[in-house]
Amino acid sequence: MLPAGECWLERLRLAKTLGFDFVEMSVDETDERLSRLDWSREQ
């Protein structure tokens, strides 16, 4: 699992550095991630 705090560009670079050819993305249904659906434009 890649670090949650990194931007996508950094995650992709890390995956390449670790020898991976791709990054698989999936929907994370944790409360922390789902709460972002209710963020205002300012957030």
C-alpha atoms as a PDB file:
ATOM      1  CA  MET A   1       0.000   0.000   0.000  1.00  0.00           C
ATOM      2  CA  LEU A   2       1.357   3.428  -0.924  1.00  0.00           C
ATOM      3  CA  PRO A   3       1.404   6.270   1.623  1.00  0.00           C
ATOM      4  CA  ALA A   4      -1.921   8.130   1.842  1.00  0.00           C
ATOM      5  CA  GLY A   5      -0.344  11.548   2.360  1.00  0.00           C
ATOM      6  CA  GLU A   6       1.595  11.647  -0.902  1.00  0.00           C
ATOM      7  CA  CYS A   7       0.339  13.280  -4.105  1.00  0.00           C
ATOM      8  CA  TRP A   8      -0.335  10.951  -7.033  1.00  0.00           C
ATOM      9  CA  LEU A   9       2.828  11.957  -8.861  1.00  0.00           C
ATOM     10  CA  GLU A  10       4.916  10.972  -5.839  1.00  0.00           C
ATOM     11  CA  ARG A  11       3.005   7.708  -5.450  1.00  0.00           C
ATOM     12  CA  LEU A  12       3.645   6.836  -9.097  1.00  0.00           C
ATOM     13  CA  ARG A  13       7.328   7.688  -8.783  1.00  0.00           C
ATOM     14  CA  LEU A  14       7.605   5.545  -5.657  1.00  0.00           C
ATOM     15  CA  ALA A  15       5.911   2.610  -7.393  1.00  0.00           C
ATOM     16  CA  LYS A  16       8.368   2.883 -10.299  1.00  0.00           C
ATOM     17  CA  THR A  17      11.323   3.096  -7.905  1.00  0.00           C
ATOM     18  CA  LEU A  18      10.083  -0.069  -6.194  1.00  0.00           C
ATOM     19  CA  GLY A  19      10.030  -1.874  -9.559  1.00  0.00           C
ATOM     20  CA  PHE A  20       6.308  -1.790 -10.337  1.00  0.00           C
ATOM     21  CA  ASP A  21       4.977  -1.107 -13.851  1.00  0.00           C
ATOM     22  CA  PHE A  22       1.551   0.150 -12.751  1.00  0.00           C
ATOM     23  CA  VAL A  23      -0.521   1.276  -9.776  1.00  0.00           C
ATOM     24  CA  GLU A  24      -3.931  -0.252  -9.127  1.00  0.00           C
ATOM     25  CA  MET A  25      -6.523   2.149  -7.730  1.00  0.00           C
ATOM     26  CA  SER A  26      -9.674   1.210  -5.861  1.00  0.00           C
ATOM     27  CA  VAL A  27     -12.404   3.006  -3.939  1.00  0.00           C
ATOM     28  CA  ASP A  28     -11.600   3.203  -0.238  1.00  0.00           C
ATOM     29  CA  GLU A  29     -14.725   3.179   1.898  1.00  0.00           C
ATOM     30  CA  THR A  30     -13.121   4.184   5.193  1.00  0.00           C
ATOM     31  CA  ASP A  31     -14.883   6.946   7.125  1.00  0.00           C
ATOM     32  CA  GLU A  32     -11.870   9.239   6.573  1.00  0.00           C
ATOM     33  CA  ARG A  33     -12.029   8.870   2.789  1.00  0.00           C
ATOM     34  CA  LEU A  34     -15.819   8.967   2.551  1.00  0.00           C
ATOM     35  CA  SER A  35     -15.958  12.193   4.570  1.00  0.00           C
ATOM     36  CA  ARG A  36     -14.149  13.961   1.713  1.00  0.00           C
ATOM     37  CA  LEU A  37     -17.292  13.595  -0.399  1.00  0.00           C
ATOM     38  CA  ASP A  38     -18.908  16.210   1.862  1.00  0.00           C
ATOM     39  CA  TRP A  39     -16.075  18.758   1.667  1.00  0.00           C
ATOM     40  CA  SER A  40     -16.845  22.291   0.593  1.00  0.00           C
ATOM     41  CA  ARG A  41     -15.084  23.846  -2.419  1.00  0.00           C
ATOM     42  CA  GLU A  42     -12.720  25.660  -0.046  1.00  0.00           C
ATOM     43  CA  GLN A  43     -11.508  22.391   1.475  1.00  0.00           C
END
